[in-house]
C-alpha atoms as a PDB file:
ATOM      1  CA  UNK A   1       0.000   0.000   0.000  1.00  0.00           C
ATOM      2  CA  UNK A   2       2.911   2.362   0.671  1.00  0.00           C
ATOM      3  CA  UNK A   3       4.000   1.959  -2.927  1.00  0.00           C
ATOM      4  CA  UNK A   4       0.491   2.766  -4.142  1.00  0.00           C
ATOM      5  CA  UNK A   5       0.290   5.995  -2.194  1.00  0.00           C
ATOM      6  CA  UNK A   6       3.736   7.118  -3.276  1.00  0.00           C
ATOM      7  CA  UNK A   7       2.803   6.534  -6.901  1.00  0.00           C
ATOM      8  CA  UNK A   8      -0.501   8.341  -6.413  1.00  0.00           C
ATOM      9  CA  UNK A   9       1.273  11.327  -4.859  1.00  0.00           C
ATOM     10  CA  UNK A  10       3.809  11.480  -7.691  1.00  0.00           C
ATOM     11  CA  UNK A  11       1.062  11.381 -10.314  1.00  0.00           C
ATOM     12  CA  UNK A  12      -0.853  14.147  -8.509  1.00  0.00           C
ATOM     13  CA  UNK A  13       2.275  16.319  -8.422  1.00  0.00           C
ATOM     14  CA  UNK A  14       2.830  15.788 -12.159  1.00  0.00           C
ATOM     15  CA  UNK A  15      -0.815  16.566 -12.904  1.00  0.00           C
ATOM     16  CA  UNK A  16      -0.668  19.805 -10.889  1.00  0.00           C
ATOM     17  CA  UNK A  17       2.543  20.797 -12.683  1.00  0.00           C
ATOM     18  CA  UNK A  18       0.923  20.177 -16.085  1.00  0.00           C
ATOM     19  CA  UNK A  19      -2.119  22.201 -15.042  1.00  0.00           C
ATOM     20  CA  UNK A  20       0.024  25.164 -13.884  1.00  0.00           C
ATOM     21  CA  UNK A  21       2.064  25.034 -17.091  1.00  0.00           C
ATOM     22  CA  UNK A  22      -1.090  24.973 -19.180  1.00  0.00           C
ATOM     23  CA  UNK A  23      -2.509  27.983 -17.342  1.00  0.00           C
ATOM     24  CA  UNK A  24       0.682  29.939 -17.997  1.00  0.00           C
ATOM     25  CA  UNK A  25       0.359  29.179 -21.705  1.00  0.00           C
ATOM     26  CA  UNK A  26      -3.296  30.224 -21.686  1.00  0.00           C
ATOM     27  CA  UNK A  27      -4.541  26.661 -22.271  1.00  0.00           C
ATOM     28  CA  UNK A  28      -7.886  25.767 -20.724  1.00  0.00           C
ATOM     29  CA  UNK A  29      -8.113  22.737 -18.396  1.00  0.00           C
ATOM     30  CA  UNK A  30      -9.445  19.529 -19.898  1.00  0.00           C
ATOM     31  CA  UNK A  31     -13.013  20.012 -21.073  1.00  0.00           C
ATOM     32  CA  UNK A  32     -15.513  17.917 -19.124  1.00  0.00           C
ATOM     33  CA  UNK A  33     -18.269  18.444 -21.685  1.00  0.00           C
ATOM     34  CA  UNK A  34     -17.138  15.903 -24.253  1.00  0.00           C
ATOM     35  CA  UNK A  35     -19.734  13.320 -25.263  1.00  0.00           C
ATOM     36  CA  UNK A  36     -19.898  10.093 -23.221  1.00  0.00           C
ATOM     37  CA  UNK A  37     -18.420   7.072 -24.997  1.00  0.00           C
ATOM     38  CA  UNK A  38     -20.675   4.390 -26.449  1.00  0.00           C
ATOM     39  CA  UNK A  39     -19.563   1.075 -25.018  1.00  0.00           C
ATOM     40  CA  UNK A  40     -19.523  -1.957 -27.305  1.00  0.00           C
ATOM     41  CA  UNK A  41     -21.561  -3.986 -24.848  1.00  0.00           C
ATOM     42  CA  UNK A  42     -24.411  -1.488 -25.254  1.00  0.00           C
ATOM     43  CA  UNK A  43     -24.600  -1.482 -29.063  1.00  0.00           C
ATOM     44  CA  UNK A  44     -27.487  -3.965 -29.128  1.00  0.00           C
ATOM     45  CA  UNK A  45     -29.672  -1.843 -26.870  1.00  0.00           C
ATOM     46  CA  UNK A  46     -29.041   1.207 -29.050  1.00  0.00           C
ATOM     47  CA  UNK A  47     -30.633  -0.480 -32.085  1.00  0.00           C
ATOM     48  CA  UNK A  48     -34.266   0.658 -32.206  1.00  0.00           C
ATOM     49  CA  UNK A  49     -35.224  -2.175 -34.558  1.00  0.00           C
ATOM     50  CA  UNK A  50     -34.017  -4.942 -32.241  1.00  0.00           C
ATOM     51  CA  UNK A  51     -35.814  -6.209 -29.153  1.00  0.00           C
ATOM     52  CA  UNK A  52     -34.207  -6.531 -25.721  1.00  0.00           C
ATOM     53  CA  UNK A  53     -35.437  -8.286 -22.595  1.00  0.00           C
ATOM     54  CA  UNK A  54     -37.823  -6.247 -20.479  1.00  0.00           C
ATOM     55  CA  UNK A  55     -35.757  -6.662 -17.316  1.00  0.00           C
ATOM     56  CA  UNK A  56     -32.726  -5.256 -19.158  1.00  0.00           C
ATOM     57  CA  UNK A  57     -34.771  -2.296 -20.374  1.00  0.00           C
ATOM     58  CA  UNK A  58     -35.818  -1.565 -16.780  1.00  0.00           C
ATOM     59  CA  UNK A  59     -32.232  -1.895 -15.483  1.00  0.00           C
ATOM     60  CA  UNK A  60     -30.932   0.382 -18.269  1.00  0.00           C
ATOM     61  CA  UNK A  61     -33.505   2.963 -17.177  1.00  0.00           C
ATOM     62  CA  UNK A  62     -31.773   3.060 -13.784  1.00  0.00           C
ATOM     63  CA  UNK A  63     -34.709   1.685 -11.788  1.00  0.00           C
ATOM     64  CA  UNK A  64     -32.994  -1.364 -10.289  1.00  0.00           C
ATOM     65  CA  UNK A  65     -30.973  -4.456 -11.159  1.00  0.00           C
ATOM     66  CA  UNK A  66     -32.223  -7.051 -13.667  1.00  0.00           C
ATOM     67  CA  UNK A  67     -32.947  -9.482 -10.841  1.00  0.00           C
ATOM     68  CA  UNK A  68     -35.064  -6.897  -9.006  1.00  0.00           C
ATOM     69  CA  UNK A  69     -36.719  -5.982 -12.330  1.00  0.00           C
ATOM     70  CA  UNK A  70     -37.894  -9.598 -12.618  1.00  0.00           C
ATOM     71  CA  UNK A  71     -39.619  -9.193  -9.254  1.00  0.00           C
ATOM     72  CA  UNK A  72     -41.352  -6.027 -10.453  1.00  0.00           C
ATOM     73  CA  UNK A  73     -42.554  -7.875 -13.543  1.00  0.00           C
ATOM     74  CA  UNK A  74     -43.823 -10.835 -11.475  1.00  0.00           C
ATOM     75  CA  UNK A  75     -45.712  -8.420  -9.208  1.00  0.00           C
ATOM     76  CA  UNK A  76     -47.492  -6.888 -12.210  1.00  0.00           C
ATOM     77  CA  UNK A  77     -45.954  -3.454 -11.654  1.00  0.00           C
ATOM     78  CA  UNK A  78     -44.727  -3.059 -15.252  1.00  0.00           C
ATOM     79  CA  UNK A  79     -46.852  -2.169 -18.278  1.00  0.00           C
ATOM     80  CA  UNK A  80     -45.806  -2.155 -21.937  1.00  0.00           C
ATOM     81  CA  UNK A  81     -47.939  -0.043 -24.264  1.00  0.00           C
ATOM     82  CA  UNK A  82     -50.706  -0.056 -21.665  1.00  0.00           C
ATOM     83  CA  UNK A  83     -50.709  -3.816 -20.958  1.00  0.00           C
ATOM     84  CA  UNK A  84     -49.539  -5.412 -17.711  1.00  0.00           C
ATOM     85  CA  UNK A  85     -46.658  -7.812 -18.426  1.00  0.00           C
ATOM     86  CA  UNK A  86     -45.886 -10.700 -16.062  1.00  0.00           C
ATOM     87  CA  UNK A  87     -44.069 -12.936 -18.540  1.00  0.00           C
ATOM     88  CA  UNK A  88     -40.419 -13.659 -17.718  1.00  0.00           C
ATOM     89  CA  UNK A  89     -38.159 -13.122 -20.725  1.00  0.00           C
ATOM     90  CA  UNK A  90     -40.616 -10.768 -22.426  1.00  0.00           C
ATOM     91  CA  UNK A  91     -38.862  -8.585 -25.014  1.00  0.00           C
ATOM     92  CA  UNK A  92     -39.525  -4.989 -26.022  1.00  0.00           C
ATOM     93  CA  UNK A  93     -38.321  -2.427 -28.534  1.00  0.00           C
ATOM     94  CA  UNK A  94     -36.577   0.653 -27.206  1.00  0.00           C
ATOM     95  CA  UNK A  95     -39.436   2.691 -28.664  1.00  0.00           C
ATOM     96  CA  UNK A  96     -42.101   0.812 -26.646  1.00  0.00           C
ATOM     97  CA  UNK A  97     -43.796   2.745 -23.852  1.00  0.00           C
ATOM     98  CA  UNK A  98     -42.708   0.958 -20.677  1.00  0.00           C
ATOM     99  CA  UNK A  99     -44.152   2.229 -17.391  1.00  0.00           C
ATOM    100  CA  UNK A 100     -43.474   1.565 -13.711  1.00  0.00           C
ATOM    101  CA  UNK A 101     -46.031   2.966 -11.244  1.00  0.00           C
ATOM    102  CA  UNK A 102     -47.394   5.144 -14.020  1.00  0.00           C
ATOM    103  CA  UNK A 103     -44.012   6.649 -14.873  1.00  0.00           C
ATOM    104  CA  UNK A 104     -42.608   6.193 -18.384  1.00  0.00           C
ATOM    105  CA  UNK A 105     -39.148   4.585 -18.381  1.00  0.00           C
ATOM    106  CA  UNK A 106     -36.468   5.415 -20.901  1.00  0.00           C
ATOM    107  CA  UNK A 107     -34.335   2.549 -22.191  1.00  0.00           C
ATOM    108  CA  UNK A 108     -31.229   4.667 -21.919  1.00  0.00           C
ATOM    109  CA  UNK A 109     -27.718   3.786 -22.908  1.00  0.00           C
ATOM    110  CA  UNK A 110     -25.529   3.118 -19.901  1.00  0.00           C
ATOM    111  CA  UNK A 111     -23.296   5.966 -18.719  1.00  0.00           C
ATOM    112  CA  UNK A 112     -20.436   5.723 -16.202  1.00  0.00           C
ATOM    113  CA  UNK A 113     -18.993   8.882 -14.631  1.00  0.00           C
ATOM    114  CA  UNK A 114     -16.199   9.082 -12.044  1.00  0.00           C
ATOM    115  CA  UNK A 115     -16.022  12.171  -9.802  1.00  0.00           C
ATOM    116  CA  UNK A 116     -13.242  13.325  -7.489  1.00  0.00           C
ATOM    117  CA  UNK A 117     -15.567  14.710  -4.833  1.00  0.00           C
ATOM    118  CA  UNK A 118     -14.594  17.864  -2.904  1.00  0.00           C
ATOM    119  CA  UNK A 119     -15.671  18.687   0.667  1.00  0.00           C
ATOM    120  CA  UNK A 120     -19.027  20.272   1.574  1.00  0.00           C
ATOM    121  CA  UNK A 121     -21.069  18.340  -0.994  1.00  0.00           C
ATOM    122  CA  UNK A 122     -23.561  15.759   0.226  1.00  0.00           C
ATOM    123  CA  UNK A 123     -24.125  12.476  -1.598  1.00  0.00           C
ATOM    124  CA  UNK A 124     -27.806  12.635  -2.462  1.00  0.00           C
ATOM    125  CA  UNK A 125     -29.855  13.307  -5.580  1.00  0.00           C
ATOM    126  CA  UNK A 126     -31.980  15.956  -3.860  1.00  0.00           C
ATOM    127  CA  UNK A 127     -31.686  17.914  -0.636  1.00  0.00           C
ATOM    128  CA  UNK A 128     -34.705  19.633   0.997  1.00  0.00           C
ATOM    129  CA  UNK A 129     -32.333  21.997   2.796  1.00  0.00           C
ATOM    130  CA  UNK A 130     -30.879  23.218  -0.516  1.00  0.00           C
ATOM    131  CA  UNK A 131     -27.325  22.260   0.413  1.00  0.00           C
ATOM    132  CA  UNK A 132     -24.746  21.543  -2.274  1.00  0.00           C
ATOM    133  CA  UNK A 133     -25.109  18.018  -3.655  1.00  0.00           C
ATOM    134  CA  UNK A 134     -22.774  15.892  -5.753  1.00  0.00           C
ATOM    135  CA  UNK A 135     -25.372  15.935  -8.544  1.00  0.00           C
ATOM    136  CA  UNK A 136     -24.531  19.602  -9.175  1.00  0.00           C
ATOM    137  CA  UNK A 137     -20.942  18.615  -9.947  1.00  0.00           C
ATOM    138  CA  UNK A 138     -21.942  16.149 -12.686  1.00  0.00           C
ATOM    139  CA  UNK A 139     -25.004  17.997 -14.005  1.00  0.00           C
ATOM    140  CA  UNK A 140     -23.449  18.548 -17.444  1.00  0.00           C
ATOM    141  CA  UNK A 141     -22.058  15.021 -17.822  1.00  0.00           C
ATOM    142  CA  UNK A 142     -24.959  13.560 -19.800  1.00  0.00           C
ATOM    143  CA  UNK A 143     -28.662  13.762 -20.561  1.00  0.00           C
ATOM    144  CA  UNK A 144     -29.302  10.403 -18.889  1.00  0.00           C
ATOM    145  CA  UNK A 145     -30.456  10.241 -15.260  1.00  0.00           C
ATOM    146  CA  UNK A 146     -27.436   8.987 -13.325  1.00  0.00           C
ATOM    147  CA  UNK A 147     -27.113   8.397  -9.593  1.00  0.00           C
ATOM    148  CA  UNK A 148     -24.216   7.881  -7.151  1.00  0.00           C
ATOM    149  CA  UNK A 149     -23.083   4.353  -6.315  1.00  0.00           C
ATOM    150  CA  UNK A 150     -22.860   4.270  -2.533  1.00  0.00           C
ATOM    151  CA  UNK A 151     -22.052   7.459  -0.673  1.00  0.00           C
ATOM    152  CA  UNK A 152     -19.347   9.629   0.830  1.00  0.00           C
ATOM    153  CA  UNK A 153     -20.241  11.860   3.761  1.00  0.00           C
ATOM    154  CA  UNK A 154     -20.152  15.626   3.452  1.00  0.00           C
ATOM    155  CA  UNK A 155     -16.579  16.102   4.689  1.00  0.00           C
ATOM    156  CA  UNK A 156     -15.091  13.076   2.915  1.00  0.00           C
ATOM    157  CA  UNK A 157     -13.389  13.668  -0.422  1.00  0.00           C
ATOM    158  CA  UNK A 158     -12.349  11.371  -3.238  1.00  0.00           C
ATOM    159  CA  UNK A 159     -13.716   8.906  -5.750  1.00  0.00           C
ATOM    160  CA  UNK A 160     -17.453   8.580  -6.291  1.00  0.00           C
ATOM    161  CA  UNK A 161     -18.951   6.652  -9.190  1.00  0.00           C
ATOM    162  CA  UNK A 162     -22.195   7.635 -10.957  1.00  0.00           C
ATOM    163  CA  UNK A 163     -24.194   5.527 -13.392  1.00  0.00           C
ATOM    164  CA  UNK A 164     -27.658   4.638 -14.650  1.00  0.00           C
ATOM    165  CA  UNK A 165     -26.650   0.970 -14.777  1.00  0.00           C
ATOM    166  CA  UNK A 166     -28.792  -0.367 -11.937  1.00  0.00           C
ATOM    167  CA  UNK A 167     -27.455  -3.892 -12.233  1.00  0.00           C
ATOM    168  CA  UNK A 168     -23.808  -2.864 -11.893  1.00  0.00           C
ATOM    169  CA  UNK A 169     -24.608  -0.435  -9.058  1.00  0.00           C
ATOM    170  CA  UNK A 170     -26.330  -3.206  -7.080  1.00  0.00           C
ATOM    171  CA  UNK A 171     -23.361  -5.486  -7.668  1.00  0.00           C
ATOM    172  CA  UNK A 172     -20.816  -2.917  -6.506  1.00  0.00           C
ATOM    173  CA  UNK A 173     -22.764  -2.149  -3.331  1.00  0.00           C
ATOM    174  CA  UNK A 174     -23.494  -5.766  -2.384  1.00  0.00           C
ATOM    175  CA  UNK A 175     -21.178  -6.939   0.435  1.00  0.00           C
ATOM    176  CA  UNK A 176     -20.668 -10.376  -1.164  1.00  0.00           C
ATOM    177  CA  UNK A 177     -18.554  -8.822  -3.947  1.00  0.00           C
ATOM    178  CA  UNK A 178     -16.162  -7.244  -1.412  1.00  0.00           C
ATOM    179  CA  UNK A 179     -15.412  -4.182  -3.530  1.00  0.00           C
ATOM    180  CA  UNK A 180     -12.065  -2.694  -2.494  1.00  0.00           C
ATOM    181  CA  UNK A 181     -11.947   0.894  -1.217  1.00  0.00           C
ATOM    182  CA  UNK A 182      -8.714   2.612  -0.190  1.00  0.00           C
ATOM    183  CA  UNK A 183      -8.675   5.754   1.943  1.00  0.00           C
ATOM    184  CA  UNK A 184      -6.004   8.163   3.069  1.00  0.00           C
ATOM    185  CA  UNK A 185      -6.771   9.190   6.650  1.00  0.00           C
ATOM    186  CA  UNK A 186      -5.143  12.192   8.345  1.00  0.00           C
ATOM    187  CA  UNK A 187      -5.573  12.146  12.132  1.00  0.00           C
ATOM    188  CA  UNK A 188      -4.877  14.682  14.886  1.00  0.00           C
ATOM    189  CA  UNK A 189      -2.048  12.755  16.610  1.00  0.00           C
ATOM    190  CA  UNK A 190       0.397   9.951  15.804  1.00  0.00           C
ATOM    191  CA  UNK A 191      -1.149   6.495  15.559  1.00  0.00           C
ATOM    192  CA  UNK A 192       0.091   4.400  18.480  1.00  0.00           C
ATOM    193  CA  UNK A 193       1.484   0.937  17.847  1.00  0.00           C
ATOM    194  CA  UNK A 194      -1.101  -0.706  20.112  1.00  0.00           C
ATOM    195  CA  UNK A 195      -3.944   1.074  18.293  1.00  0.00           C
ATOM    196  CA  UNK A 196      -2.462   0.042  14.955  1.00  0.00           C
ATOM    197  CA  UNK A 197      -2.528  -3.577  16.146  1.00  0.00           C
ATOM    198  CA  UNK A 198      -6.138  -3.225  17.310  1.00  0.00           C
ATOM    199  CA  UNK A 199      -7.195  -2.022  13.867  1.00  0.00           C
ATOM    200  CA  UNK A 200      -5.319  -4.908  12.213  1.00  0.00           C
ATOM    201  CA  UNK A 201      -7.047  -7.447  14.472  1.00  0.00           C
ATOM    202  CA  UNK A 202     -10.488  -5.847  14.135  1.00  0.00           C
ATOM    203  CA  UNK A 203     -12.490  -3.573  16.414  1.00  0.00           C
ATOM    204  CA  UNK A 204     -15.830  -4.348  18.028  1.00  0.00           C
ATOM    205  CA  UNK A 205     -18.070  -1.330  17.362  1.00  0.00           C
ATOM    206  CA  UNK A 206     -21.678  -0.754  18.349  1.00  0.00           C
ATOM    207  CA  UNK A 207     -22.917  -2.413  15.152  1.00  0.00           C
ATOM    208  CA  UNK A 208     -20.510  -5.344  15.137  1.00  0.00           C
ATOM    209  CA  UNK A 209     -16.937  -6.212  14.188  1.00  0.00           C
ATOM    210  CA  UNK A 210     -15.080  -3.740  11.966  1.00  0.00           C
ATOM    211  CA  UNK A 211     -12.198  -5.461  10.198  1.00  0.00           C
ATOM    212  CA  UNK A 212      -9.947  -3.828   7.620  1.00  0.00           C
ATOM    213  CA  UNK A 213      -8.231  -5.589   4.720  1.00  0.00           C
ATOM    214  CA  UNK A 214      -4.948  -3.675   5.004  1.00  0.00           C
ATOM    215  CA  UNK A 215      -3.460  -0.697   6.828  1.00  0.00           C
ATOM    216  CA  UNK A 216      -0.185   1.207   6.459  1.00  0.00           C
ATOM    217  CA  UNK A 217       1.345   4.287   8.058  1.00  0.00           C
ATOM    218  CA  UNK A 218       2.302   6.542   5.156  1.00  0.00           C
ATOM    219  CA  UNK A 219       3.884   9.595   6.819  1.00  0.00           C
ATOM    220  CA  UNK A 220       7.003   9.939   9.028  1.00  0.00           C
ATOM    221  CA  UNK A 221       4.942  11.477  11.863  1.00  0.00           C
ATOM    222  CA  UNK A 222       2.452   8.543  11.844  1.00  0.00           C
ATOM    223  CA  UNK A 223      -0.447  10.989  11.446  1.00  0.00           C
ATOM    224  CA  UNK A 224      -1.327   9.913   7.907  1.00  0.00           C
ATOM    225  CA  UNK A 225      -2.607   6.388   7.389  1.00  0.00           C
ATOM    226  CA  UNK A 226      -3.631   4.337   4.369  1.00  0.00           C
ATOM    227  CA  UNK A 227      -6.486   1.943   4.981  1.00  0.00           C
ATOM    228  CA  UNK A 228      -8.073  -0.626   2.664  1.00  0.00           C
ATOM    229  CA  UNK A 229     -11.560  -1.837   3.461  1.00  0.00           C
ATOM    230  CA  UNK A 230     -14.508  -3.493   1.712  1.00  0.00           C
ATOM    231  CA  UNK A 231     -17.245  -3.406   4.358  1.00  0.00           C
ATOM    232  CA  UNK A 232     -19.842  -0.732   3.636  1.00  0.00           C
ATOM    233  CA  UNK A 233     -21.022   0.267   7.107  1.00  0.00           C
ATOM    234  CA  UNK A 234     -21.963   3.916   7.562  1.00  0.00           C
ATOM    235  CA  UNK A 235     -18.963   6.201   8.344  1.00  0.00           C
ATOM    236  CA  UNK A 236     -16.948   3.087   9.145  1.00  0.00           C
ATOM    237  CA  UNK A 237     -13.447   4.562   8.647  1.00  0.00           C
ATOM    238  CA  UNK A 238     -14.176   7.617  10.795  1.00  0.00           C
ATOM    239  CA  UNK A 239     -15.768   5.465  13.494  1.00  0.00           C
ATOM    240  CA  UNK A 240     -12.764   3.136  13.667  1.00  0.00           C
ATOM    241  CA  UNK A 241     -10.424   5.994  14.542  1.00  0.00           C
ATOM    242  CA  UNK A 242     -12.923   7.855  16.744  1.00  0.00           C
ATOM    243  CA  UNK A 243     -13.426   4.646  18.727  1.00  0.00           C
ATOM    244  CA  UNK A 244      -9.696   4.735  19.569  1.00  0.00           C
ATOM    245  CA  UNK A 245      -9.740   8.414  20.567  1.00  0.00           C
ATOM    246  CA  UNK A 246      -8.481  10.016  17.344  1.00  0.00           C
ATOM    247  CA  UNK A 247     -10.044  12.896  15.439  1.00  0.00           C
ATOM    248  CA  UNK A 248     -10.127  12.450  11.669  1.00  0.00           C
ATOM    249  CA  UNK A 249      -8.869  15.705  10.152  1.00  0.00           C
ATOM    250  CA  UNK A 250      -9.097  14.578   6.539  1.00  0.00           C
ATOM    251  CA  UNK A 251     -10.549  11.523   4.826  1.00  0.00           C
ATOM    252  CA  UNK A 252      -9.951  10.932   1.131  1.00  0.00           C
ATOM    253  CA  UNK A 253     -11.008   7.903  -0.935  1.00  0.00           C
ATOM    254  CA  UNK A 254      -8.118   7.378  -3.349  1.00  0.00           C
ATOM    255  CA  UNK A 255      -9.193   4.075  -4.925  1.00  0.00           C
ATOM    256  CA  UNK A 256     -12.516   2.387  -5.623  1.00  0.00           C
ATOM    257  CA  UNK A 257     -12.274  -1.160  -6.941  1.00  0.00           C
ATOM    258  CA  UNK A 258      -9.848  -0.844  -9.889  1.00  0.00           C
ATOM    259  CA  UNK A 259     -10.413   2.920 -10.264  1.00  0.00           C
ATOM    260  CA  UNK A 260      -7.917   5.551  -9.045  1.00  0.00           C
ATOM    261  CA  UNK A 261      -7.671   9.349  -8.980  1.00  0.00           C
ATOM    262  CA  UNK A 262      -4.895   9.486 -11.573  1.00  0.00           C
ATOM    263  CA  UNK A 263      -5.123  12.757 -13.576  1.00  0.00           C
ATOM    264  CA  UNK A 264      -8.479  13.610 -11.957  1.00  0.00           C
ATOM    265  CA  UNK A 265      -8.316  16.856 -10.000  1.00  0.00           C
ATOM    266  CA  UNK A 266     -10.610  17.630  -7.096  1.00  0.00           C
ATOM    267  CA  UNK A 267     -14.105  18.642  -8.209  1.00  0.00           C
ATOM    268  CA  UNK A 268     -13.591  17.248 -11.720  1.00  0.00           C
ATOM    269  CA  UNK A 269     -15.136  14.189 -13.363  1.00  0.00           C
ATOM    270  CA  UNK A 270     -14.459  11.933 -16.316  1.00  0.00           C
ATOM    271  CA  UNK A 271     -16.125   9.070 -18.188  1.00  0.00           C
ATOM    272  CA  UNK A 272     -14.916   5.550 -17.540  1.00  0.00           C
ATOM    273  CA  UNK A 273     -13.122   3.842 -20.392  1.00  0.00           C
ATOM    274  CA  UNK A 274     -14.607   0.718 -21.914  1.00  0.00           C
ATOM    275  CA  UNK A 275     -11.843  -1.337 -20.290  1.00  0.00           C
ATOM    276  CA  UNK A 276     -12.661   0.108 -16.859  1.00  0.00           C
ATOM    277  CA  UNK A 277     -16.346  -0.748 -17.282  1.00  0.00           C
ATOM    278  CA  UNK A 278     -15.526  -4.308 -18.310  1.00  0.00           C
ATOM    279  CA  UNK A 279     -13.245  -4.711 -15.269  1.00  0.00           C
ATOM    280  CA  UNK A 280     -16.035  -3.563 -12.927  1.00  0.00           C
ATOM    281  CA  UNK A 281     -18.550  -5.920 -14.525  1.00  0.00           C
ATOM    282  CA  UNK A 282     -16.206  -8.879 -14.149  1.00  0.00           C
ATOM    283  CA  UNK A 283     -15.823  -8.606 -10.386  1.00  0.00           C
ATOM    284  CA  UNK A 284     -15.805 -12.087  -8.890  1.00  0.00           C
END
């Protein structure tokens, strides 16, 4: 893990240098408004003259996973051109009018957007208190309705994935797939050896055992720690350190599954490459 963080830091330094050099030359930063790529695996669903399975249409619309879509179909909650459909394997055209609870669904192409989230943005699609949300940061990414996969709390920065691919989102958030997440944690005092050992062995918190996959001290003063974890309990990294009497000054997610922050400045987003999408879909 030490090697990973060193590499990440070097890449960030190079990226900042390139950005400063570009600004001196009057070159604008990389434009985030380029069109999202069309992934080969989606070509079939983009053909209006070819039918696709109804559960896939529903998942592409961002409602839920294909498995959950089957349950909606069984329950009679889906209509196609005004008719209730309960048949498993039923196929539709992209131009068919598919409705769920009276709302028309769009058989959209799948879009995958990776954001380097800054502080003071909450991970929600809407906020009744009119606070800044992460959706504002990706509002110009695409016309499709995308949503965040999982969440980062308001003061946590780093990688956050957005998509309208309900099936992949469900897979990434399900604990059985053990999706890797790596954080850099800055704390208010040096991490003691005995506390380090407690984290390695697992801590018993109010909602059960919290066990990390890997941990490494990454600064000479022992106040910056790298931690790898796959459990998705709420605020789990902060609670681990708070349980031991430390205050988390900064928490940054630097890796999510196979995705890293390379060349992605804070507050900026980019589309995933086709290779990155394939890697996420082939999680075992």
